[in-house]
Each structure stands twice: as C-alpha cells, then as structure tokens.
C-alpha cells in the first residue's frame, strides 16, 4: 500500500483559536502598529537595527553573530508561515515581515524609512487579520478552550 504524501503531511497548527489569544494578538499588533507609525512620524526616536550592539564583541565576531541570529530569525519566520493557513497565515506573514526586516534597518538611514513602511504594511495586514480572527472567535458559541 502506498501512502499519499499530501494526506500524510502534518496539518497546519492553529495558534489564535480562542477569544483571549485573538484579543492579545489584536492588542499587541495594534500597539506595535502605533509604535511603527510614531517611528515614521518622528524619525529621531528610532533605534539601531542591529540585533546585538558592540558592547562585548567587536568587528567580524559581532557581524558573524548578528548574521547567525538573522538567519535563525528568517528560518523561524518561514517555518512559522508554513505551519499556518488561512487568516492566521496572513497574521503570521505580517509579523514575519517585521521580524525579518527590522535588523536590516542598521544598514543605513535610507533603508530605515523604506523598511519602516514595509513593516507598517505588514502590521496593518496582521492587525486586520487579528481583527478578523477576533470577530470570528466572538461569533463562535461555546469557546471550550480558554487558554
């Protein structure tokens, strides 16, 4: 007997299944969205995009460690997107854009503004997806799981 590879693959995991999780996602996304708008309106408040500053490590060690962490963030973001579906995938894709692109702000000030606009777009997508998930969770009667 042969096993169908499509049927044997693991099903997407649902992360935002309850009203509480959806509400937390909505509030957190709205807060980070507001901070991103503030950063675009007042560019003097933005910080360095490096994951690690030059406090302990210097030179190539710092660059190599930042590159390693950036690679880990990229891998985690793509795995996270791959393991979701539907509206949750839109939510995760918007947040992944923020996680993947924010370390690149350290490349220069001309990159920082462009990346902030892309992050703003991703967060707007995530906010709308979280709102849709929250409203869907409100309409479901008998929310059995509360965590």
Protein backbone atom coordinates (compact mmCIF):
# COMPACT_ATOMS: atom_id res chain seq x y z
CA UNK A 1 0.00 0.00 0.00
CA UNK A 2 1.30 3.41 -0.84
CA UNK A 3 0.77 6.40 1.37
CA UNK A 4 -0.38 9.62 -0.20
CA UNK A 5 2.29 12.25 0.72
CA UNK A 6 -0.29 15.03 0.70
CA UNK A 7 -2.50 13.24 3.21
CA UNK A 8 0.40 12.18 5.45
CA UNK A 9 1.76 15.71 5.88
CA UNK A 10 1.01 17.37 9.16
CA UNK A 11 -1.97 19.68 9.27
CA UNK A 12 -1.40 23.39 9.91
CA UNK A 13 -1.34 24.37 13.54
CA UNK A 14 -3.88 26.89 14.73
CA UNK A 15 -2.41 29.48 17.08
CA UNK A 16 -5.19 32.01 17.59
CA UNK A 17 -8.05 29.68 18.44
CA UNK A 18 -9.63 31.40 21.44
CA UNK A 19 -11.05 34.82 22.18
CA UNK A 20 -8.28 35.54 24.68
CA UNK A 21 -5.47 34.69 22.27
CA UNK A 22 -7.14 36.64 19.48
CA UNK A 23 -7.63 39.65 21.77
CA UNK A 24 -4.00 39.57 22.92
CA UNK A 25 -2.82 39.31 19.31
CA UNK A 26 -5.07 42.22 18.32
CA UNK A 27 -3.89 44.47 21.17
CA UNK A 28 -0.20 43.61 20.72
CA UNK A 29 -0.38 44.14 16.96
CA UNK A 30 -2.20 47.45 17.40
CA UNK A 31 0.42 48.63 19.91
CA UNK A 32 3.36 47.75 17.65
CA UNK A 33 1.49 49.27 14.70
CA UNK A 34 1.13 52.54 16.66
CA UNK A 35 4.84 52.47 17.55
CA UNK A 36 5.74 51.98 13.89
CA UNK A 37 3.55 54.93 12.87
CA UNK A 38 5.24 57.01 15.59
CA UNK A 39 8.66 55.98 14.27
CA UNK A 40 7.72 57.14 10.78
CA UNK A 41 6.29 60.44 12.00
CA UNK A 42 9.21 61.14 14.37
CA UNK A 43 12.34 59.54 12.88
CA UNK A 44 14.56 60.76 15.72
CA UNK A 45 13.04 58.18 18.07
CA UNK A 46 14.20 55.16 16.03
CA UNK A 47 16.99 52.95 17.35
CA UNK A 48 19.74 50.91 15.76
CA UNK A 49 18.61 47.88 13.80
CA UNK A 50 21.45 45.63 14.96
CA UNK A 51 20.43 42.61 16.99
CA UNK A 52 23.49 42.92 19.23
CA UNK A 53 25.36 46.16 19.83
CA UNK A 54 29.11 46.42 20.12
CA UNK A 55 29.17 46.15 23.92
CA UNK A 56 31.14 42.92 24.28
CA UNK A 57 32.01 41.76 20.77
CA UNK A 58 33.73 43.85 18.12
CA UNK A 59 34.46 43.58 14.43
CA UNK A 60 33.82 40.42 12.49
CA UNK A 61 32.69 38.44 15.54
CA UNK A 62 29.81 40.87 16.02
CA UNK A 63 28.89 40.76 12.33
CA UNK A 64 29.03 36.94 12.26
CA UNK A 65 26.87 36.62 15.37
CA UNK A 66 24.33 39.10 14.01
CA UNK A 67 24.25 37.20 10.69
CA UNK A 68 23.72 33.91 12.54
CA UNK A 69 20.81 35.31 14.57
CA UNK A 70 19.34 36.92 11.45
CA UNK A 71 19.48 33.56 9.66
CA UNK A 72 17.72 31.94 12.62
CA UNK A 73 15.00 34.63 12.52
CA UNK A 74 14.49 34.07 8.78
CA UNK A 75 14.26 30.30 9.21
CA UNK A 76 11.82 30.62 12.14
CA UNK A 77 9.66 33.13 10.23
CA UNK A 78 9.36 30.92 7.17
CA UNK A 79 8.63 27.83 9.28
CA UNK A 80 6.00 29.78 11.20
CA UNK A 81 4.33 30.88 7.96
CA UNK A 82 4.49 27.35 6.54
CA UNK A 83 2.79 25.84 9.59
CA UNK A 84 -0.28 28.08 9.46
CA UNK A 85 -3.09 28.58 6.98
CA UNK A 86 -5.93 30.92 6.16
CA UNK A 87 -6.30 34.15 8.09
CA UNK A 88 -3.66 33.07 10.58
CA UNK A 89 -1.14 32.82 7.75
CA UNK A 90 -1.84 36.46 6.86
CA UNK A 91 -1.37 37.41 10.53
CA UNK A 92 1.91 35.48 10.76
CA UNK A 93 3.18 36.79 7.40
CA UNK A 94 2.73 40.40 8.51
CA UNK A 95 4.58 39.80 11.78
CA UNK A 96 7.29 37.83 9.97
CA UNK A 97 7.95 40.83 7.75
CA UNK A 98 8.62 42.86 10.89
CA UNK A 99 10.95 40.25 12.41
CA UNK A 100 12.86 39.59 9.21
CA UNK A 101 13.25 43.18 8.06
CA UNK A 102 13.91 45.11 11.26
CA UNK A 103 17.57 44.01 11.64
CA UNK A 104 18.21 45.41 8.15
CA UNK A 105 17.47 48.93 9.38
CA UNK A 106 21.07 49.11 10.59
CA UNK A 107 22.36 49.12 7.01
CA UNK A 108 21.71 52.83 6.66
CA UNK A 109 19.25 55.64 7.21
CA UNK A 110 17.91 55.43 3.65
CA UNK A 111 17.00 51.77 4.31
CA UNK A 112 15.37 52.55 7.63
CA UNK A 113 12.49 54.61 6.26
CA UNK A 114 11.72 52.17 3.42
CA UNK A 115 11.81 49.18 5.78
CA UNK A 116 9.56 51.02 8.24
CA UNK A 117 6.93 51.49 5.51
CA UNK A 118 7.11 47.78 4.63
CA UNK A 119 6.79 46.92 8.33
CA UNK A 120 3.81 49.26 8.60
CA UNK A 121 2.12 47.46 5.71
CA UNK A 122 2.84 44.06 7.28
CA UNK A 123 1.50 45.20 10.64
CA UNK A 124 -1.63 46.62 9.01
CA UNK A 125 -2.20 43.22 7.37
CA UNK A 126 -1.62 41.49 10.71
CA UNK A 127 -3.94 43.88 12.52
CA UNK A 128 -6.75 43.27 10.05
CA UNK A 129 -6.19 39.50 10.21
CA UNK A 130 -6.17 39.59 14.04
CA UNK A 131 -9.38 41.64 13.97
CA UNK A 132 -11.00 39.08 11.66
CA UNK A 133 -9.85 36.21 13.89
CA UNK A 134 -11.11 38.01 16.99
CA UNK A 135 -14.52 38.68 15.44
CA UNK A 136 -14.71 35.07 14.29
CA UNK A 137 -13.85 33.87 17.80
CA UNK A 138 -16.59 36.12 19.22
CA UNK A 139 -19.16 34.60 16.88
CA UNK A 140 -18.27 31.03 17.83
CA UNK A 141 -20.56 29.88 20.62
CA UNK A 142 -19.17 27.83 23.46
CA UNK A 143 -15.48 28.65 23.25
CA UNK A 144 -14.36 25.44 25.01
CA UNK A 145 -10.65 26.21 25.40
CA UNK A 146 -9.82 29.33 27.34
CA UNK A 147 -6.04 29.42 27.02
